[in-house]
């Protein structure tokens, strides 16, 4: 597992998540552990390294 730190797009808190490097392209929704708002996460992994990471707010 890889640990990745990023800012919540809502409350700007720094949060971390564990990323499974065996899946090269990932897209899912995870709630912020501080403000509980949904974050759309998109990750691209190559050779066990994160090469692209996006954490965006969800339009409601």
PDB file of N, CA and C in Angstrom:
ATOM      1  N   UNK A   1       0.842  -1.185   0.000  1.00  0.00           N
ATOM      2  CA  UNK A   1       0.000   0.000   0.000  1.00  0.00           C
ATOM      3  C   UNK A   1       0.889   1.251   0.000  1.00  0.00           C
ATOM      4  N   UNK A   2       0.398   2.263  -0.681  1.00  0.00           N
ATOM      5  CA  UNK A   2       1.086   3.552  -0.726  1.00  0.00           C
ATOM      6  C   UNK A   2       0.258   4.564   0.055  1.00  0.00           C
ATOM      7  N   UNK A   3       0.915   5.377   0.877  1.00  0.00           N
ATOM      8  CA  UNK A   3       0.208   6.441   1.585  1.00  0.00           C
ATOM      9  C   UNK A   3       0.348   7.725   0.781  1.00  0.00           C
ATOM     10  N   UNK A   4      -0.778   8.411   0.567  1.00  0.00           N
ATOM     11  CA  UNK A   4      -0.766   9.653  -0.198  1.00  0.00           C
ATOM     12  C   UNK A   4      -1.496  10.734   0.591  1.00  0.00           C
ATOM     13  N   UNK A   5      -0.875  11.913   0.690  1.00  0.00           N
ATOM     14  CA  UNK A   5      -1.462  13.048   1.398  1.00  0.00           C
ATOM     15  C   UNK A   5      -1.996  14.054   0.382  1.00  0.00           C
ATOM     16  N   UNK A   6      -3.153  14.650   0.676  1.00  0.00           N
ATOM     17  CA  UNK A   6      -3.743  15.660  -0.198  1.00  0.00           C
ATOM     18  C   UNK A   6      -4.688  16.539   0.604  1.00  0.00           C
ATOM     19  N   UNK A   7      -5.120  17.657  -0.002  1.00  0.00           N
ATOM     20  CA  UNK A   7      -6.041  18.565   0.660  1.00  0.00           C
ATOM     21  C   UNK A   7      -7.467  18.285   0.237  1.00  0.00           C
ATOM     22  N   UNK A   8      -8.369  18.305   1.203  1.00  0.00           N
ATOM     23  CA  UNK A   8      -9.792  18.167   0.907  1.00  0.00           C
ATOM     24  C   UNK A   8     -10.220  19.384   0.088  1.00  0.00           C
ATOM     25  N   UNK A   9     -10.949  19.186  -1.016  1.00  0.00           N
ATOM     26  CA  UNK A   9     -11.389  20.327  -1.822  1.00  0.00           C
ATOM     27  C   UNK A   9     -12.481  21.181  -1.158  1.00  0.00           C
ATOM     28  N   UNK A  10     -13.043  20.693  -0.066  1.00  0.00           N
ATOM     29  CA  UNK A  10     -14.074  21.437   0.654  1.00  0.00           C
ATOM     30  C   UNK A  10     -13.498  22.223   1.828  1.00  0.00           C
ATOM     31  N   UNK A  11     -12.901  21.522   2.786  1.00  0.00           N
ATOM     32  CA  UNK A  11     -12.458  22.168   4.025  1.00  0.00           C
ATOM     33  C   UNK A  11     -10.956  22.470   4.035  1.00  0.00           C
ATOM     34  N   UNK A  12     -10.228  22.011   3.018  1.00  0.00           N
ATOM     35  CA  UNK A  12      -8.793  22.230   2.838  1.00  0.00           C
ATOM     36  C   UNK A  12      -7.914  21.551   3.885  1.00  0.00           C
ATOM     37  N   UNK A  13      -8.499  20.656   4.664  1.00  0.00           N
ATOM     38  CA  UNK A  13      -7.714  19.900   5.639  1.00  0.00           C
ATOM     39  C   UNK A  13      -6.788  18.931   4.899  1.00  0.00           C
ATOM     40  N   UNK A  14      -5.589  18.730   5.442  1.00  0.00           N
ATOM     41  CA  UNK A  14      -4.701  17.733   4.861  1.00  0.00           C
ATOM     42  C   UNK A  14      -5.138  16.364   5.373  1.00  0.00           C
ATOM     43  N   UNK A  15      -5.423  15.475   4.445  1.00  0.00           N
ATOM     44  CA  UNK A  15      -5.823  14.121   4.819  1.00  0.00           C
ATOM     45  C   UNK A  15      -4.953  13.128   4.062  1.00  0.00           C
ATOM     46  N   UNK A  16      -4.939  11.910   4.535  1.00  0.00           N
ATOM     47  CA  UNK A  16      -4.141  10.883   3.870  1.00  0.00           C
ATOM     48  C   UNK A  16      -5.026   9.688   3.543  1.00  0.00           C
ATOM     49  N   UNK A  17      -4.592   8.949   2.548  1.00  0.00           N
ATOM     50  CA  UNK A  17      -5.295   7.722   2.206  1.00  0.00           C
ATOM     51  C   UNK A  17      -4.277   6.678   1.788  1.00  0.00           C
ATOM     52  N   UNK A  18      -4.658   5.428   1.964  1.00  0.00           N
ATOM     53  CA  UNK A  18      -3.826   4.325   1.505  1.00  0.00           C
ATOM     54  C   UNK A  18      -4.312   3.907   0.126  1.00  0.00           C
ATOM     55  N   UNK A  19      -3.367   3.771  -0.806  1.00  0.00           N
ATOM     56  CA  UNK A  19      -3.687   3.445  -2.191  1.00  0.00           C
ATOM     57  C   UNK A  19      -3.094   2.085  -2.526  1.00  0.00           C
ATOM     58  N   UNK A  20      -3.896   1.243  -3.150  1.00  0.00           N
ATOM     59  CA  UNK A  20      -3.442  -0.081  -3.579  1.00  0.00           C
ATOM     60  C   UNK A  20      -2.695   0.065  -4.901  1.00  0.00           C
ATOM     61  N   UNK A  21      -1.381  -0.151  -4.932  1.00  0.00           N
ATOM     62  CA  UNK A  21      -0.608   0.053  -6.162  1.00  0.00           C
ATOM     63  C   UNK A  21      -0.795  -1.046  -7.206  1.00  0.00           C
ATOM     64  N   UNK A  22      -1.515  -2.121  -6.884  1.00  0.00           N
ATOM     65  CA  UNK A  22      -1.710  -3.203  -7.842  1.00  0.00           C
ATOM     66  C   UNK A  22      -2.805  -2.879  -8.871  1.00  0.00           C
ATOM     67  N   UNK A  23      -3.548  -1.776  -8.650  1.00  0.00           N
ATOM     68  CA  UNK A  23      -4.598  -1.360  -9.578  1.00  0.00           C
ATOM     69  C   UNK A  23      -4.118  -0.081 -10.271  1.00  0.00           C
ATOM     70  N   UNK A  24      -3.871  -0.160 -11.581  1.00  0.00           N
ATOM     71  CA  UNK A  24      -3.212   0.947 -12.282  1.00  0.00           C
ATOM     72  C   UNK A  24      -4.093   2.185 -12.480  1.00  0.00           C
ATOM     73  N   UNK A  25      -5.387   2.007 -12.596  1.00  0.00           N
ATOM     74  CA  UNK A  25      -6.288   3.140 -12.787  1.00  0.00           C
ATOM     75  C   UNK A  25      -7.467   3.002 -11.830  1.00  0.00           C
ATOM     76  N   UNK A  26      -7.644   4.009 -10.980  1.00  0.00           N
ATOM     77  CA  UNK A  26      -8.693   3.936  -9.960  1.00  0.00           C
ATOM     78  C   UNK A  26      -9.523   5.215  -9.985  1.00  0.00           C
ATOM     79  N   UNK A  27     -10.822   5.065  -9.793  1.00  0.00           N
ATOM     80  CA  UNK A  27     -11.729   6.208  -9.682  1.00  0.00           C
ATOM     81  C   UNK A  27     -12.841   5.807  -8.729  1.00  0.00           C
ATOM     82  N   UNK A  28     -12.999   6.566  -7.660  1.00  0.00           N
ATOM     83  CA  UNK A  28     -14.035   6.251  -6.679  1.00  0.00           C
ATOM     84  C   UNK A  28     -14.356   7.472  -5.843  1.00  0.00           C
ATOM     85  N   UNK A  29     -15.344   7.356  -4.992  1.00  0.00           N
ATOM     86  CA  UNK A  29     -15.757   8.439  -4.101  1.00  0.00           C
ATOM     87  C   UNK A  29     -15.456   8.028  -2.673  1.00  0.00           C
ATOM     88  N   UNK A  30     -14.811   8.941  -1.956  1.00  0.00           N
ATOM     89  CA  UNK A  30     -14.486   8.708  -0.549  1.00  0.00           C
ATOM     90  C   UNK A  30     -14.845   9.966   0.237  1.00  0.00           C
ATOM     91  N   UNK A  31     -15.411   9.791   1.421  1.00  0.00           N
ATOM     92  CA  UNK A  31     -15.766  10.939   2.250  1.00  0.00           C
ATOM     93  C   UNK A  31     -14.540  11.487   2.967  1.00  0.00           C
ATOM     94  N   UNK A  32     -14.477  12.826   3.079  1.00  0.00           N
ATOM     95  CA  UNK A  32     -13.411  13.474   3.847  1.00  0.00           C
ATOM     96  C   UNK A  32     -13.528  13.040   5.301  1.00  0.00           C
ATOM     97  N   UNK A  33     -12.416  12.684   5.907  1.00  0.00           N
ATOM     98  CA  UNK A  33     -12.455  12.242   7.307  1.00  0.00           C
ATOM     99  C   UNK A  33     -12.634  13.403   8.275  1.00  0.00           C
ATOM    100  N   UNK A  34     -12.547  14.651   7.789  1.00  0.00           N
ATOM    101  CA  UNK A  34     -12.728  15.818   8.656  1.00  0.00           C
ATOM    102  C   UNK A  34     -14.136  16.400   8.508  1.00  0.00           C
ATOM    103  N   UNK A  35     -14.536  16.753   7.266  1.00  0.00           N
ATOM    104  CA  UNK A  35     -15.829  17.420   7.070  1.00  0.00           C
ATOM    105  C   UNK A  35     -16.924  16.491   6.526  1.00  0.00           C
ATOM    106  N   UNK A  36     -16.568  15.267   6.175  1.00  0.00           N
ATOM    107  CA  UNK A  36     -17.505  14.228   5.709  1.00  0.00           C
ATOM    108  C   UNK A  36     -18.129  14.484   4.341  1.00  0.00           C
ATOM    109  N   UNK A  37     -17.651  15.458   3.591  1.00  0.00           N
ATOM    110  CA  UNK A  37     -18.154  15.687   2.238  1.00  0.00           C
ATOM    111  C   UNK A  37     -17.558  14.658   1.279  1.00  0.00           C
ATOM    112  N   UNK A  38     -18.292  14.304   0.207  1.00  0.00           N
ATOM    113  CA  UNK A  38     -17.800  13.305  -0.740  1.00  0.00           C
ATOM    114  C   UNK A  38     -16.741  13.887  -1.685  1.00  0.00           C
ATOM    115  N   UNK A  39     -15.657  13.160  -1.859  1.00  0.00           N
ATOM    116  CA  UNK A  39     -14.559  13.567  -2.732  1.00  0.00           C
ATOM    117  C   UNK A  39     -14.421  12.526  -3.830  1.00  0.00           C
ATOM    118  N   UNK A  40     -14.385  12.993  -5.087  1.00  0.00           N
ATOM    119  CA  UNK A  40     -14.136  12.092  -6.205  1.00  0.00           C
ATOM    120  C   UNK A  40     -12.620  11.982  -6.376  1.00  0.00           C
ATOM    121  N   UNK A  41     -12.107  10.774  -6.227  1.00  0.00           N
ATOM    122  CA  UNK A  41     -10.676  10.517  -6.293  1.00  0.00           C
ATOM    123  C   UNK A  41     -10.361   9.763  -7.582  1.00  0.00           C
ATOM    124  N   UNK A  42      -9.352  10.243  -8.316  1.00  0.00           N
ATOM    125  CA  UNK A  42      -8.873   9.563  -9.514  1.00  0.00           C
ATOM    126  C   UNK A  42      -7.363   9.395  -9.389  1.00  0.00           C
ATOM    127  N   UNK A  43      -6.900   8.166  -9.564  1.00  0.00           N
ATOM    128  CA  UNK A  43      -5.485   7.857  -9.356  1.00  0.00           C
ATOM    129  C   UNK A  43      -4.979   7.022 -10.532  1.00  0.00           C
ATOM    130  N   UNK A  44      -3.772   7.342 -10.989  1.00  0.00           N
ATOM    131  CA  UNK A  44      -3.097   6.524 -11.992  1.00  0.00           C
ATOM    132  C   UNK A  44      -1.760   6.088 -11.400  1.00  0.00           C
ATOM    133  N   UNK A  45      -1.480   4.777 -11.509  1.00  0.00           N
ATOM    134  CA  UNK A  45      -0.263   4.208 -10.934  1.00  0.00           C
ATOM    135  C   UNK A  45       0.527   3.504 -12.025  1.00  0.00           C
ATOM    136  N   UNK A  46       1.825   3.756 -12.040  1.00  0.00           N
ATOM    137  CA  UNK A  46       2.740   3.065 -12.950  1.00  0.00           C
ATOM    138  C   UNK A  46       3.962   2.623 -12.159  1.00  0.00           C
ATOM    139  N   UNK A  47       4.335   1.372 -12.297  1.00  0.00           N
ATOM    140  CA  UNK A  47       5.512   0.798 -11.625  1.00  0.00           C
ATOM    141  C   UNK A  47       5.517   1.096 -10.120  1.00  0.00           C
ATOM    142  N   UNK A  48       4.358   0.858  -9.479  1.00  0.00           N
ATOM    143  CA  UNK A  48       4.186   1.032  -8.033  1.00  0.00           C
ATOM    144  C   UNK A  48       4.373   2.464  -7.546  1.00  0.00           C
ATOM    145  N   UNK A  49       4.191   3.453  -8.437  1.00  0.00           N
ATOM    146  CA  UNK A  49       4.264   4.861  -8.051  1.00  0.00           C
ATOM    147  C   UNK A  49       3.037   5.599  -8.562  1.00  0.00           C
ATOM    148  N   UNK A  50       2.544   6.547  -7.771  1.00  0.00           N
ATOM    149  CA  UNK A  50       1.420   7.372  -8.194  1.00  0.00           C
ATOM    150  C   UNK A  50       1.950   8.405  -9.185  1.00  0.00           C
ATOM    151  N   UNK A  51       1.436   8.372 -10.421  1.00  0.00           N
ATOM    152  CA  UNK A  51       1.877   9.323 -11.441  1.00  0.00           C
ATOM    153  C   UNK A  51       0.831  10.413 -11.692  1.00  0.00           C
ATOM    154  N   UNK A  52      -0.409  10.181 -11.271  1.00  0.00           N
ATOM    155  CA  UNK A  52      -1.458  11.196 -11.379  1.00  0.00           C
ATOM    156  C   UNK A  52      -2.434  11.000 -10.226  1.00  0.00           C
ATOM    157  N   UNK A  53      -2.839  12.121  -9.612  1.00  0.00           N
ATOM    158  CA  UNK A  53      -3.782  12.068  -8.496  1.00  0.00           C
ATOM    159  C   UNK A  53      -4.664  13.300  -8.553  1.00  0.00           C
ATOM    160  N   UNK A  54      -5.972  13.091  -8.506  1.00  0.00           N
ATOM    161  CA  UNK A  54      -6.934  14.195  -8.450  1.00  0.00           C
ATOM    162  C   UNK A  54      -7.931  13.927  -7.343  1.00  0.00           C
ATOM    163  N   UNK A  55      -8.254  14.968  -6.606  1.00  0.00           N
ATOM    164  CA  UNK A  55      -9.275  14.893  -5.566  1.00  0.00           C
ATOM    165  C   UNK A  55     -10.193  16.099  -5.774  1.00  0.00           C
ATOM    166  N   UNK A  56     -11.404  15.845  -6.257  1.00  0.00           N
ATOM    167  CA  UNK A  56     -12.314  16.921  -6.623  1.00  0.00           C
ATOM    168  C   UNK A  56     -13.620  16.867  -5.836  1.00  0.00           C
ATOM    169  N   UNK A  57     -14.196  18.048  -5.644  1.00  0.00           N
ATOM    170  CA  UNK A  57     -15.517  18.108  -5.023  1.00  0.00           C
ATOM    171  C   UNK A  57     -16.546  17.572  -6.015  1.00  0.00           C
ATOM    172  N   UNK A  58     -17.672  17.149  -5.502  1.00  0.00           N
ATOM    173  CA  UNK A  58     -18.736  16.598  -6.333  1.00  0.00           C
ATOM    174  C   UNK A  58     -19.839  17.647  -6.442  1.00  0.00           C
ATOM    175  N   UNK A  59     -20.221  17.937  -7.682  1.00  0.00           N
ATOM    176  CA  UNK A  59     -21.296  18.898  -7.926  1.00  0.00           C
ATOM    177  C   UNK A  59     -22.600  18.341  -7.359  1.00  0.00           C
ATOM    178  N   UNK A  60     -23.294  19.162  -6.590  1.00  0.00           N
ATOM    179  CA  UNK A  60     -24.559  18.711  -6.008  1.00  0.00           C
ATOM    180  C   UNK A  60     -25.687  19.602  -6.427  1.00  0.00           C
TER     181      UNK A  60
END
